[in-house]
């Protein structure tokens, strides 16, 4: 498995009504979060502790809520909010 990000439960659900510029910003920031998680949890699939708390990330046109699950080697985007 390899680290990646994805929308949860689906892109349509999470980004409904969000402008395309905001979605682009969210996806760029999600890529940064994936690279950080990959460096922090080098052997993510073997991670045995509880998952870290979720977080909020700010981008120019809004914000999003995410959850990192090391055992899945995923950063899940849960909610996108436009300003």
C-alpha atoms as a PDB file:
ATOM      1  CA  UNK A   1       0.000   0.000   0.000  1.00  0.00           C
ATOM      2  CA  UNK A   2       1.125   3.547  -0.589  1.00  0.00           C
ATOM      3  CA  UNK A   3       0.137   6.778   1.149  1.00  0.00           C
ATOM      4  CA  UNK A   4      -2.622   8.772  -0.556  1.00  0.00           C
ATOM      5  CA  UNK A   5      -5.629  10.932   0.244  1.00  0.00           C
ATOM      6  CA  UNK A   6      -9.284  10.465  -0.618  1.00  0.00           C
ATOM      7  CA  UNK A   7     -12.690  11.929   0.064  1.00  0.00           C
ATOM      8  CA  UNK A   8     -14.869  10.146   2.634  1.00  0.00           C
ATOM      9  CA  UNK A   9     -17.574   9.064   1.979  1.00  0.00           C
ATOM     10  CA  UNK A  10     -17.290  10.341  -1.632  1.00  0.00           C
ATOM     11  CA  UNK A  11     -16.064  13.343  -3.613  1.00  0.00           C
ATOM     12  CA  UNK A  12     -19.633  14.240  -4.592  1.00  0.00           C
ATOM     13  CA  UNK A  13     -20.775  14.253  -0.957  1.00  0.00           C
ATOM     14  CA  UNK A  14     -17.814  16.153   0.490  1.00  0.00           C
ATOM     15  CA  UNK A  15     -17.401  18.797  -2.230  1.00  0.00           C
ATOM     16  CA  UNK A  16     -21.072  19.371  -3.121  1.00  0.00           C
ATOM     17  CA  UNK A  17     -21.506  23.033  -4.042  1.00  0.00           C
ATOM     18  CA  UNK A  18     -17.851  23.970  -3.488  1.00  0.00           C
ATOM     19  CA  UNK A  19     -16.307  26.166  -6.187  1.00  0.00           C
ATOM     20  CA  UNK A  20     -13.650  24.513  -8.390  1.00  0.00           C
ATOM     21  CA  UNK A  21     -10.926  26.876  -7.115  1.00  0.00           C
ATOM     22  CA  UNK A  22     -11.571  25.744  -3.539  1.00  0.00           C
ATOM     23  CA  UNK A  23     -11.501  22.072  -4.537  1.00  0.00           C
ATOM     24  CA  UNK A  24      -8.144  22.602  -6.227  1.00  0.00           C
ATOM     25  CA  UNK A  25      -6.752  24.282  -3.092  1.00  0.00           C
ATOM     26  CA  UNK A  26      -8.059  21.450  -0.892  1.00  0.00           C
ATOM     27  CA  UNK A  27      -6.486  18.802  -3.116  1.00  0.00           C
ATOM     28  CA  UNK A  28      -3.109  20.580  -3.151  1.00  0.00           C
ATOM     29  CA  UNK A  29      -3.127  20.896   0.645  1.00  0.00           C
ATOM     30  CA  UNK A  30      -4.220  17.249   0.975  1.00  0.00           C
ATOM     31  CA  UNK A  31      -1.126  16.273  -1.014  1.00  0.00           C
ATOM     32  CA  UNK A  32       1.024  18.173   1.483  1.00  0.00           C
ATOM     33  CA  UNK A  33      -0.694  16.374   4.373  1.00  0.00           C
ATOM     34  CA  UNK A  34      -0.031  13.016   2.725  1.00  0.00           C
ATOM     35  CA  UNK A  35       3.685  13.783   2.360  1.00  0.00           C
ATOM     36  CA  UNK A  36       3.856  14.847   6.027  1.00  0.00           C
ATOM     37  CA  UNK A  37       2.002  11.727   7.224  1.00  0.00           C
ATOM     38  CA  UNK A  38       4.212   9.497   5.100  1.00  0.00           C
ATOM     39  CA  UNK A  39       7.313  10.997   6.742  1.00  0.00           C
ATOM     40  CA  UNK A  40       5.831  10.781  10.251  1.00  0.00           C
ATOM     41  CA  UNK A  41       4.377   7.268   9.948  1.00  0.00           C
ATOM     42  CA  UNK A  42       7.042   5.561   7.838  1.00  0.00           C
ATOM     43  CA  UNK A  43       5.606   2.078   8.417  1.00  0.00           C
ATOM     44  CA  UNK A  44       1.959   3.121   8.429  1.00  0.00           C
ATOM     45  CA  UNK A  45       0.474  -0.311   7.739  1.00  0.00           C
ATOM     46  CA  UNK A  46       2.255  -1.662  10.836  1.00  0.00           C
ATOM     47  CA  UNK A  47       1.065   1.221  13.066  1.00  0.00           C
ATOM     48  CA  UNK A  48      -0.474  -0.187  16.262  1.00  0.00           C
ATOM     49  CA  UNK A  49      -1.445   2.834  18.352  1.00  0.00           C
ATOM     50  CA  UNK A  50      -4.673   4.816  18.151  1.00  0.00           C
ATOM     51  CA  UNK A  51      -5.039   7.062  15.141  1.00  0.00           C
ATOM     52  CA  UNK A  52      -4.074  10.698  15.635  1.00  0.00           C
ATOM     53  CA  UNK A  53      -6.877  13.220  16.199  1.00  0.00           C
ATOM     54  CA  UNK A  54      -8.455  14.739  13.123  1.00  0.00           C
ATOM     55  CA  UNK A  55      -7.562  18.197  11.981  1.00  0.00           C
ATOM     56  CA  UNK A  56      -8.689  21.309  10.183  1.00  0.00           C
ATOM     57  CA  UNK A  57      -6.713  22.882   7.357  1.00  0.00           C
ATOM     58  CA  UNK A  58      -7.189  26.413   6.087  1.00  0.00           C
ATOM     59  CA  UNK A  59      -6.849  27.332   2.430  1.00  0.00           C
ATOM     60  CA  UNK A  60      -7.370  30.681   0.723  1.00  0.00           C
ATOM     61  CA  UNK A  61     -11.044  30.198  -0.151  1.00  0.00           C
ATOM     62  CA  UNK A  62     -12.171  28.072   2.807  1.00  0.00           C
ATOM     63  CA  UNK A  63     -11.226  25.169   5.022  1.00  0.00           C
ATOM     64  CA  UNK A  64     -11.531  21.412   5.287  1.00  0.00           C
ATOM     65  CA  UNK A  65     -11.680  18.745   7.952  1.00  0.00           C
ATOM     66  CA  UNK A  66      -9.487  15.669   7.604  1.00  0.00           C
ATOM     67  CA  UNK A  67      -8.525  12.492   9.429  1.00  0.00           C
ATOM     68  CA  UNK A  68      -5.229  10.630   9.100  1.00  0.00           C
ATOM     69  CA  UNK A  69      -5.411   6.846   9.500  1.00  0.00           C
ATOM     70  CA  UNK A  70      -1.853   5.449   9.548  1.00  0.00           C
ATOM     71  CA  UNK A  71      -2.921   1.778   9.220  1.00  0.00           C
ATOM     72  CA  UNK A  72      -4.783   2.630   6.006  1.00  0.00           C
ATOM     73  CA  UNK A  73      -1.957   4.936   4.863  1.00  0.00           C
ATOM     74  CA  UNK A  74      -4.652   7.488   4.041  1.00  0.00           C
ATOM     75  CA  UNK A  75      -5.628  11.046   4.755  1.00  0.00           C
ATOM     76  CA  UNK A  76      -9.418  11.238   4.498  1.00  0.00           C
ATOM     77  CA  UNK A  77     -11.053  14.556   3.559  1.00  0.00           C
ATOM     78  CA  UNK A  78     -14.330  14.624   5.484  1.00  0.00           C
ATOM     79  CA  UNK A  79     -15.804  18.099   4.958  1.00  0.00           C
ATOM     80  CA  UNK A  80     -15.086  21.126   2.767  1.00  0.00           C
ATOM     81  CA  UNK A  81     -16.385  24.591   3.691  1.00  0.00           C
ATOM     82  CA  UNK A  82     -16.168  27.692   1.470  1.00  0.00           C
ATOM     83  CA  UNK A  83     -15.839  31.202   2.894  1.00  0.00           C
END
